[in-house]
N, C-alpha and C. Protein backbone atom coordinates (compact mmCIF):
# COMPACT_ATOMS: atom_id res chain seq x y z
N GLY A 1 16.87 29.19 -82.88
CA GLY A 1 16.11 28.22 -82.16
C GLY A 1 16.88 26.91 -81.98
N TRP A 2 17.65 26.55 -83.02
CA TRP A 2 18.35 25.27 -82.96
C TRP A 2 19.39 25.26 -81.84
N ALA A 3 20.12 26.35 -81.67
CA ALA A 3 21.18 26.41 -80.66
C ALA A 3 20.62 26.58 -79.26
N ALA A 4 19.34 26.90 -79.14
CA ALA A 4 18.73 27.06 -77.81
C ALA A 4 18.43 25.72 -77.16
N ASP A 5 18.38 24.65 -77.95
CA ASP A 5 18.18 23.31 -77.39
C ASP A 5 19.41 22.93 -76.56
N PRO A 6 19.22 22.44 -75.33
CA PRO A 6 20.38 22.17 -74.46
C PRO A 6 21.40 21.19 -75.05
N ILE A 7 20.93 20.15 -75.70
CA ILE A 7 21.86 19.17 -76.27
C ILE A 7 22.69 19.81 -77.39
N ASN A 8 22.03 20.57 -78.24
CA ASN A 8 22.75 21.24 -79.32
C ASN A 8 23.70 22.30 -78.78
N ALA A 9 23.31 22.99 -77.73
CA ALA A 9 24.18 23.99 -77.14
C ALA A 9 25.44 23.35 -76.58
N VAL A 10 25.30 22.20 -75.95
CA VAL A 10 26.48 21.50 -75.42
C VAL A 10 27.39 21.05 -76.56
N LEU A 11 26.80 20.55 -77.64
CA LEU A 11 27.61 20.12 -78.78
C LEU A 11 28.33 21.30 -79.43
N VAL A 12 27.65 22.42 -79.55
CA VAL A 12 28.29 23.61 -80.10
C VAL A 12 29.40 24.08 -79.18
N LEU A 13 29.16 24.03 -77.89
CA LEU A 13 30.18 24.43 -76.92
C LEU A 13 31.41 23.53 -77.00
N LEU A 14 31.21 22.24 -77.19
CA LEU A 14 32.34 21.33 -77.36
C LEU A 14 33.13 21.63 -78.63
N ALA A 15 32.42 21.89 -79.71
CA ALA A 15 33.10 22.22 -80.97
C ALA A 15 33.85 23.55 -80.85
N VAL A 16 33.20 24.51 -80.21
CA VAL A 16 33.84 25.82 -80.02
C VAL A 16 35.04 25.68 -79.08
N GLY A 17 34.98 24.79 -78.13
CA GLY A 17 36.10 24.57 -77.22
C GLY A 17 37.27 23.87 -77.88
N ALA A 18 36.98 23.01 -78.85
CA ALA A 18 38.05 22.30 -79.54
C ALA A 18 38.86 23.22 -80.45
N SER A 19 38.21 24.21 -81.01
CA SER A 19 38.89 25.10 -81.95
C SER A 19 40.02 25.92 -81.31
N PRO A 20 39.78 26.64 -80.20
CA PRO A 20 40.90 27.37 -79.58
C PRO A 20 41.99 26.43 -79.04
N HIS A 21 41.58 25.26 -78.58
CA HIS A 21 42.57 24.30 -78.09
C HIS A 21 43.48 23.86 -79.23
N HIS A 22 42.89 23.55 -80.36
CA HIS A 22 43.66 23.15 -81.53
C HIS A 22 44.56 24.30 -82.01
N MET A 23 44.03 25.52 -81.97
CA MET A 23 44.82 26.68 -82.34
C MET A 23 46.00 26.87 -81.40
N ARG A 24 45.75 26.69 -80.10
CA ARG A 24 46.83 26.86 -79.12
C ARG A 24 47.95 25.85 -79.35
N LEU A 25 47.57 24.60 -79.61
CA LEU A 25 48.59 23.58 -79.84
C LEU A 25 49.39 23.85 -81.11
N GLY A 26 48.71 24.28 -82.17
CA GLY A 26 49.41 24.58 -83.42
C GLY A 26 50.35 25.75 -83.27
N MET A 27 49.89 26.82 -82.64
CA MET A 27 50.74 27.99 -82.45
C MET A 27 51.90 27.69 -81.50
N GLN A 28 51.68 26.81 -80.53
CA GLN A 28 52.74 26.43 -79.61
C GLN A 28 53.88 25.75 -80.38
N VAL A 29 53.54 24.88 -81.29
CA VAL A 29 54.56 24.20 -82.09
C VAL A 29 55.32 25.20 -82.95
N VAL A 30 54.60 26.13 -83.57
CA VAL A 30 55.25 27.14 -84.41
C VAL A 30 56.21 28.00 -83.58
N VAL A 31 55.75 28.45 -82.42
CA VAL A 31 56.60 29.29 -81.57
C VAL A 31 57.82 28.51 -81.09
N GLU A 32 57.62 27.28 -80.66
CA GLU A 32 58.75 26.48 -80.17
C GLU A 32 59.75 26.18 -81.27
N ASP A 33 59.29 26.02 -82.50
CA ASP A 33 60.20 25.69 -83.60
C ASP A 33 60.94 26.90 -84.15
N TYR A 34 60.32 28.07 -84.19
CA TYR A 34 60.90 29.19 -84.91
C TYR A 34 61.39 30.35 -84.05
N ILE A 35 61.11 30.36 -82.77
CA ILE A 35 61.59 31.44 -81.90
C ILE A 35 62.74 30.89 -81.07
N ALA A 36 63.91 31.49 -81.24
CA ALA A 36 65.11 30.98 -80.58
C ALA A 36 65.32 31.59 -79.20
N LYS A 37 64.98 32.84 -79.02
CA LYS A 37 65.22 33.52 -77.76
C LYS A 37 64.22 33.02 -76.71
N HIS A 38 64.73 32.55 -75.58
CA HIS A 38 63.88 31.90 -74.58
C HIS A 38 62.87 32.85 -73.94
N SER A 39 63.28 34.07 -73.67
CA SER A 39 62.34 35.00 -73.03
C SER A 39 61.19 35.35 -73.98
N THR A 40 61.50 35.57 -75.24
CA THR A 40 60.46 35.86 -76.23
C THR A 40 59.54 34.65 -76.40
N LYS A 41 60.14 33.48 -76.42
CA LYS A 41 59.36 32.25 -76.58
C LYS A 41 58.38 32.08 -75.42
N ASN A 42 58.84 32.32 -74.21
CA ASN A 42 57.97 32.17 -73.05
C ASN A 42 56.83 33.18 -73.06
N VAL A 43 57.14 34.43 -73.42
CA VAL A 43 56.11 35.47 -73.49
C VAL A 43 55.07 35.10 -74.54
N LEU A 44 55.51 34.65 -75.70
CA LEU A 44 54.57 34.29 -76.76
C LEU A 44 53.72 33.08 -76.38
N LEU A 45 54.29 32.13 -75.68
CA LEU A 45 53.51 30.95 -75.27
C LEU A 45 52.45 31.33 -74.24
N VAL A 46 52.79 32.21 -73.32
CA VAL A 46 51.81 32.68 -72.33
C VAL A 46 50.73 33.50 -73.02
N LEU A 47 51.13 34.38 -73.93
CA LEU A 47 50.17 35.18 -74.67
C LEU A 47 49.26 34.31 -75.53
N ASN A 48 49.80 33.29 -76.13
CA ASN A 48 49.02 32.33 -76.92
C ASN A 48 47.96 31.67 -76.05
N THR A 49 48.34 31.22 -74.88
CA THR A 49 47.38 30.58 -73.98
C THR A 49 46.31 31.57 -73.53
N PHE A 50 46.72 32.78 -73.19
CA PHE A 50 45.76 33.79 -72.74
C PHE A 50 44.75 34.12 -73.83
N ILE A 51 45.21 34.29 -75.05
CA ILE A 51 44.31 34.62 -76.16
C ILE A 51 43.34 33.48 -76.42
N CYS A 52 43.81 32.25 -76.36
CA CYS A 52 42.93 31.11 -76.60
C CYS A 52 41.89 30.97 -75.49
N VAL A 53 42.26 31.22 -74.26
CA VAL A 53 41.30 31.18 -73.16
C VAL A 53 40.27 32.29 -73.32
N ALA A 54 40.72 33.47 -73.71
CA ALA A 54 39.80 34.59 -73.92
C ALA A 54 38.83 34.30 -75.07
N LEU A 55 39.33 33.72 -76.16
CA LEU A 55 38.45 33.36 -77.27
C LEU A 55 37.42 32.33 -76.85
N PHE A 56 37.84 31.34 -76.08
CA PHE A 56 36.89 30.33 -75.62
C PHE A 56 35.86 30.94 -74.69
N ALA A 57 36.30 31.82 -73.80
CA ALA A 57 35.36 32.44 -72.87
C ALA A 57 34.32 33.27 -73.61
N ALA A 58 34.75 34.03 -74.61
CA ALA A 58 33.81 34.84 -75.39
C ALA A 58 32.84 33.96 -76.16
N ALA A 59 33.34 32.90 -76.76
CA ALA A 59 32.48 31.99 -77.52
C ALA A 59 31.52 31.25 -76.59
N ALA A 60 32.00 30.82 -75.44
CA ALA A 60 31.14 30.11 -74.49
C ALA A 60 30.05 31.05 -73.97
N TYR A 61 30.40 32.30 -73.72
CA TYR A 61 29.40 33.27 -73.29
C TYR A 61 28.32 33.44 -74.35
N ALA A 62 28.73 33.54 -75.62
CA ALA A 62 27.77 33.70 -76.70
C ALA A 62 26.84 32.50 -76.82
N VAL A 63 27.42 31.31 -76.75
CA VAL A 63 26.60 30.09 -76.86
C VAL A 63 25.64 29.99 -75.67
N LEU A 64 26.14 30.25 -74.48
CA LEU A 64 25.27 30.14 -73.30
C LEU A 64 24.19 31.22 -73.29
N LYS A 65 24.52 32.40 -73.79
CA LYS A 65 23.51 33.47 -73.87
C LYS A 65 22.40 33.06 -74.84
N ILE A 66 22.74 32.44 -75.94
CA ILE A 66 21.73 31.95 -76.89
C ILE A 66 20.93 30.83 -76.27
N ALA A 67 21.60 29.92 -75.57
CA ALA A 67 20.91 28.76 -75.00
C ALA A 67 19.98 29.13 -73.87
N ILE A 68 20.33 30.14 -73.10
CA ILE A 68 19.51 30.51 -71.94
C ILE A 68 18.32 31.38 -72.35
N SER A 69 18.51 32.25 -73.33
CA SER A 69 17.41 33.14 -73.69
C SER A 69 16.49 32.56 -74.74
């Protein structure tokens, strides 16, 4: 019931959005620092971004499904 309130749903969505963003930035630094081969580095950075976007989309879907129903 608490997450169904629109204000709370927006706040949860913001918190859920900050987590994958923070994860993406942290993993980007790790990949840039420890992967020397440029092609591997580029693939991992794209994969990192894709995974973070997918995680956010799944979490946003879950929050919105709770908020709407």
